[in-house]
Amino acid sequence: MAKSPVIEQHQLRHAVKVASITGQNAKRDAALLLVFYGTGLTPNEVAKLQVSDYLLADGRHVAETTLRPEIAFNGKRRPLLWASQKICAAVDDYLQSRLHTRQGVTTSPAAFRGLDPSSSLFLTADGEPFSFTPRRTPSGAVSYSCESLTEIVRRLHHQAGIEHGNASAARRTFAVRLHRDGRSLKLIQQLIGVSSLSAVKRLIDGDPVKLASVVSGVI
């Protein structure tokens, strides 16, 4: 099975720009793209994030927290960092728009910026949590996937002209960029929650930038 592509910075900037001026959920979609590329979370995990995973009661960002094990794809707690000003600015802009449309608000405007802390951080166009579709494996086990959010992310890449772009590409790109910055495989493993260092190596193997740098030195 072919690997998901690594999306370069200029492509992501273009995708966010297109998302921010397209459709009725422009603020949400721009924030979604940045969250996927800046955290390495899966669609199921993003769909299960709550306002309280991002905001403190006094309205400040939760700079360093952990992804709750009950929403992690592997059931294990791992770091969740809201350290990027660009990501936070986009999410803040989206949450402000939610206040205007009265989506997931409370009667206590002084806490959590007036938003229900237990409401989903990202909502559908109708102001509802994203739904999950059950799937039955050949062994009979049932798993659930947020196909609607997965499709939104795929569409946002498609409308920006990014071939094969999707949530898996965002997750791989997150790992590759960390590796390019010299971060250890162990740290990358900790941030994306995969089971082994070999799984991290498979994600970062074949980084197109590194291959190009090798070939450029041949002649």
Protein backbone atom coordinates (compact mmCIF):
# COMPACT_ATOMS: atom_id res chain seq x y z
CA MET A 1 0.00 0.00 0.00
CA ALA A 2 1.38 3.39 -1.04
CA LYS A 3 2.30 5.82 1.68
CA SER A 4 0.40 9.04 2.14
CA PRO A 5 2.27 12.04 0.68
CA VAL A 6 4.27 14.51 2.70
CA ILE A 7 2.63 17.92 2.33
CA GLU A 8 5.04 20.82 2.17
CA GLN A 9 4.58 24.12 3.97
CA HIS A 10 3.61 26.10 0.88
CA GLN A 11 0.96 23.52 0.04
CA LEU A 12 -0.49 23.69 3.54
CA ARG A 13 -0.51 27.49 3.51
CA HIS A 14 -2.41 27.38 0.23
CA ALA A 15 -4.90 24.81 1.55
CA VAL A 16 -5.59 26.89 4.67
CA LYS A 17 -6.03 30.02 2.55
CA VAL A 18 -8.48 28.25 0.25
CA ALA A 19 -10.38 26.77 3.20
CA SER A 20 -10.64 30.17 4.88
CA ILE A 21 -12.51 31.70 1.95
CA THR A 22 -14.58 28.72 0.83
CA GLY A 23 -17.92 27.45 2.10
CA GLN A 24 -20.07 28.16 5.13
CA ASN A 25 -17.62 26.66 7.64
CA ALA A 26 -14.51 28.51 6.55
CA LYS A 27 -13.25 29.35 10.04
CA ARG A 28 -13.79 25.78 11.26
CA ASP A 29 -12.18 24.23 8.20
CA ALA A 30 -9.08 26.43 8.35
CA ALA A 31 -8.67 25.58 12.04
CA LEU A 32 -9.20 21.88 11.35
CA LEU A 33 -6.41 21.76 8.79
CA LEU A 34 -3.96 23.44 11.14
CA VAL A 35 -4.91 21.18 14.04
CA PHE A 36 -4.40 18.03 11.96
CA TYR A 37 -1.00 19.19 10.70
CA GLY A 38 0.10 20.64 14.03
CA THR A 39 -0.83 17.78 16.36
CA GLY A 40 -0.72 14.52 14.38
CA LEU A 41 -4.13 13.54 15.76
CA THR A 42 -6.40 11.11 13.92
CA PRO A 43 -9.92 12.07 12.71
CA ASN A 44 -11.52 10.04 15.52
CA GLU A 45 -9.39 11.85 18.10
CA VAL A 46 -10.11 15.32 16.71
CA ALA A 47 -13.83 14.55 16.59
CA LYS A 48 -13.76 13.59 20.28
CA LEU A 49 -11.84 16.65 21.50
CA GLN A 50 -13.83 18.80 23.90
CA VAL A 51 -13.65 22.53 24.56
CA SER A 52 -12.04 21.71 27.93
CA ASP A 53 -9.21 19.92 26.09
CA TYR A 54 -8.29 23.30 24.63
CA LEU A 55 -9.46 25.93 27.12
CA LEU A 56 -9.07 26.46 30.84
CA ALA A 57 -12.08 27.74 32.79
CA ASP A 58 -10.64 31.27 32.75
CA GLY A 59 -10.52 31.23 28.95
CA ARG A 60 -6.79 30.75 28.53
CA HIS A 61 -5.34 28.04 26.31
CA VAL A 62 -4.25 24.76 27.82
CA ALA A 63 -0.64 25.02 26.61
CA GLU A 64 0.45 21.54 27.68
CA THR A 65 -2.01 18.78 28.40
CA THR A 66 -2.51 15.13 27.55
CA LEU A 67 -4.79 13.43 25.09
CA ARG A 68 -7.31 11.60 27.24
CA PRO A 69 -6.91 7.81 26.97
CA GLU A 70 -10.62 7.35 26.39
CA ILE A 71 -10.37 9.27 23.11
CA ALA A 72 -6.88 8.14 22.01
CA PHE A 73 -6.87 5.65 19.14
CA ASN A 74 -4.80 3.21 21.18
CA GLY A 75 -6.41 3.91 24.55
CA LYS A 76 -3.19 5.40 25.91
CA ARG A 77 -2.53 8.89 27.23
CA ARG A 78 -0.02 10.98 25.27
CA PRO A 79 1.06 14.64 25.12
CA LEU A 80 -1.26 17.17 23.50
CA LEU A 81 0.39 20.55 22.99
CA TRP A 82 -1.34 23.78 22.01
CA ALA A 83 1.95 25.62 21.59
CA SER A 84 1.54 27.02 18.08
CA GLN A 85 0.26 30.60 17.98
CA LYS A 86 -0.96 30.04 14.43
CA ILE A 87 -3.07 27.04 15.44
CA CYS A 88 -4.44 28.76 18.52
CA ALA A 89 -5.34 31.89 16.56
CA ALA A 90 -7.30 29.82 14.05
CA VAL A 91 -9.11 27.79 16.73
CA ASP A 92 -9.86 30.97 18.69
CA ASP A 93 -11.34 32.55 15.57
CA TYR A 94 -13.55 29.51 15.06
CA LEU A 95 -14.69 29.42 18.70
CA GLN A 96 -15.58 33.10 18.50
CA SER A 97 -17.77 32.34 15.49
CA ARG A 98 -19.48 29.63 17.53
CA LEU A 99 -20.45 32.20 20.12
CA HIS A 100 -22.05 34.34 17.41
CA THR A 101 -24.06 31.39 16.10
CA ARG A 102 -24.83 30.11 19.63
CA GLN A 103 -23.36 26.67 19.01
CA GLY A 104 -22.44 24.80 22.19
CA VAL A 105 -22.78 27.80 24.48
CA THR A 106 -23.69 27.92 28.18
CA THR A 107 -25.42 30.31 30.54
CA SER A 108 -22.09 31.05 32.24
CA PRO A 109 -20.34 33.46 29.88
CA ALA A 110 -17.50 34.04 32.33
CA ALA A 111 -16.25 30.44 32.10
CA PHE A 112 -14.65 28.78 29.05
CA ARG A 113 -15.42 31.93 27.02
CA GLY A 114 -19.11 31.15 27.31
CA LEU A 115 -18.80 27.73 25.69
CA ASP A 116 -19.90 24.43 27.18
CA PRO A 117 -16.63 22.77 28.31
CA SER A 118 -18.02 19.32 27.56
CA SER A 119 -19.11 20.20 24.04
CA SER A 120 -17.03 19.02 21.11
CA LEU A 121 -14.25 21.39 20.12
CA PHE A 122 -15.28 21.05 16.47
CA LEU A 123 -18.91 20.80 15.41
CA THR A 124 -20.80 20.06 12.22
CA ALA A 125 -22.47 22.82 10.23
CA ASP A 126 -25.63 22.17 12.26
CA GLY A 127 -23.80 22.67 15.54
CA GLU A 128 -23.79 18.97 16.43
CA PRO A 129 -20.92 16.64 17.34
CA PHE A 130 -19.51 14.58 14.49
CA SER A 131 -21.07 11.15 14.25
CA PHE A 132 -19.29 7.81 14.11
CA THR A 133 -19.97 4.96 11.72
CA PRO A 134 -19.73 1.37 13.03
CA ARG A 135 -17.64 -1.13 11.11
CA ARG A 136 -17.50 -4.87 11.71
CA THR A 137 -14.18 -6.63 11.16
CA PRO A 138 -13.91 -10.17 9.71
CA SER A 139 -13.42 -11.43 13.28
CA GLY A 140 -16.73 -9.91 14.31
CA ALA A 141 -15.33 -7.01 16.35
CA VAL A 142 -16.95 -3.61 15.91
CA SER A 143 -14.95 -0.44 15.45
CA TYR A 144 -16.13 3.13 14.89
CA SER A 145 -14.79 5.73 12.50
CA CYS A 146 -15.63 9.39 11.96
CA GLU A 147 -16.05 9.16 8.22
CA SER A 148 -17.70 12.57 7.91
CA LEU A 149 -14.67 14.36 9.35
CA THR A 150 -12.30 12.20 7.31
CA GLU A 151 -14.20 13.24 4.18
CA ILE A 152 -14.06 16.93 5.13
CA VAL A 153 -10.27 16.78 5.44
CA ARG A 154 -10.01 14.96 2.10
CA ARG A 155 -12.23 17.60 0.48
CA LEU A 156 -10.17 20.47 1.87
CA HIS A 157 -7.07 19.00 0.24
CA HIS A 158 -8.87 18.32 -3.02
CA GLN A 159 -10.19 21.85 -3.36
CA ALA A 160 -6.65 23.13 -2.85
CA GLY A 161 -5.36 20.87 -5.62
CA ILE A 162 -3.33 18.60 -3.32
CA GLU A 163 -3.38 15.12 -4.80
CA HIS A 164 -3.96 12.26 -2.35
CA GLY A 165 -4.09 14.71 0.57
CA ASN A 166 -6.00 13.47 3.61
CA ALA A 167 -5.77 13.06 7.38
CA SER A 168 -3.18 10.31 7.01
CA ALA A 169 -1.00 12.68 4.98
CA ALA A 170 -1.29 15.27 7.74
CA ARG A 171 -0.24 12.73 10.35
CA ARG A 172 2.72 11.54 8.31
CA THR A 173 3.73 15.13 7.54
CA PHE A 174 3.68 15.93 11.26
CA ALA A 175 6.11 13.07 11.92
CA VAL A 176 8.36 13.93 8.98
CA ARG A 177 8.63 17.60 9.94
CA LEU A 178 9.61 16.67 13.48
CA HIS A 179 12.28 14.38 12.06
CA ARG A 180 13.55 17.10 9.72
CA ASP A 181 13.90 19.35 12.75
CA GLY A 182 16.16 16.78 14.34
CA ARG A 183 13.70 15.38 16.86
CA SER A 184 14.35 11.87 18.07
CA LEU A 185 12.33 8.88 16.93
CA LYS A 186 11.39 8.29 20.56
CA LEU A 187 9.89 11.77 20.88
CA ILE A 188 7.98 11.39 17.61
CA GLN A 189 6.66 8.04 18.83
CA GLN A 190 5.50 9.69 22.06
CA LEU A 191 3.70 12.51 20.25
CA ILE A 192 1.83 10.40 17.68
CA GLY A 193 1.22 7.38 19.90
CA VAL A 194 2.38 4.59 17.62
CA SER A 195 3.41 1.30 19.16
CA SER A 196 7.06 1.08 18.16
CA LEU A 197 10.05 2.95 16.81
CA SER A 198 9.86 0.82 13.66
CA ALA A 199 6.38 2.26 13.04
CA VAL A 200 7.88 5.77 13.26
CA LYS A 201 10.64 4.77 10.84
CA ARG A 202 8.05 3.55 8.35
CA LEU A 203 6.28 6.91 8.53
CA ILE A 204 9.39 9.01 7.94
CA ASP A 205 11.10 6.66 5.48
CA GLY A 206 11.28 8.05 1.96
CA ASP A 207 11.08 11.71 2.96
CA PRO A 208 11.09 13.37 -0.49
CA VAL A 209 13.19 16.32 0.66
CA LYS A 210 15.95 14.07 1.98
CA LEU A 211 15.94 11.98 -1.18
CA ALA A 212 16.23 15.11 -3.29
CA SER A 213 19.17 16.36 -1.23
CA VAL A 214 21.00 13.07 -1.78
CA VAL A 215 20.47 13.12 -5.55
CA SER A 216 21.44 16.78 -5.83
CA GLY A 217 24.95 15.94 -4.64
CA VAL A 218 25.61 13.23 -7.21
CA ILE A 219 26.88 15.66 -9.88
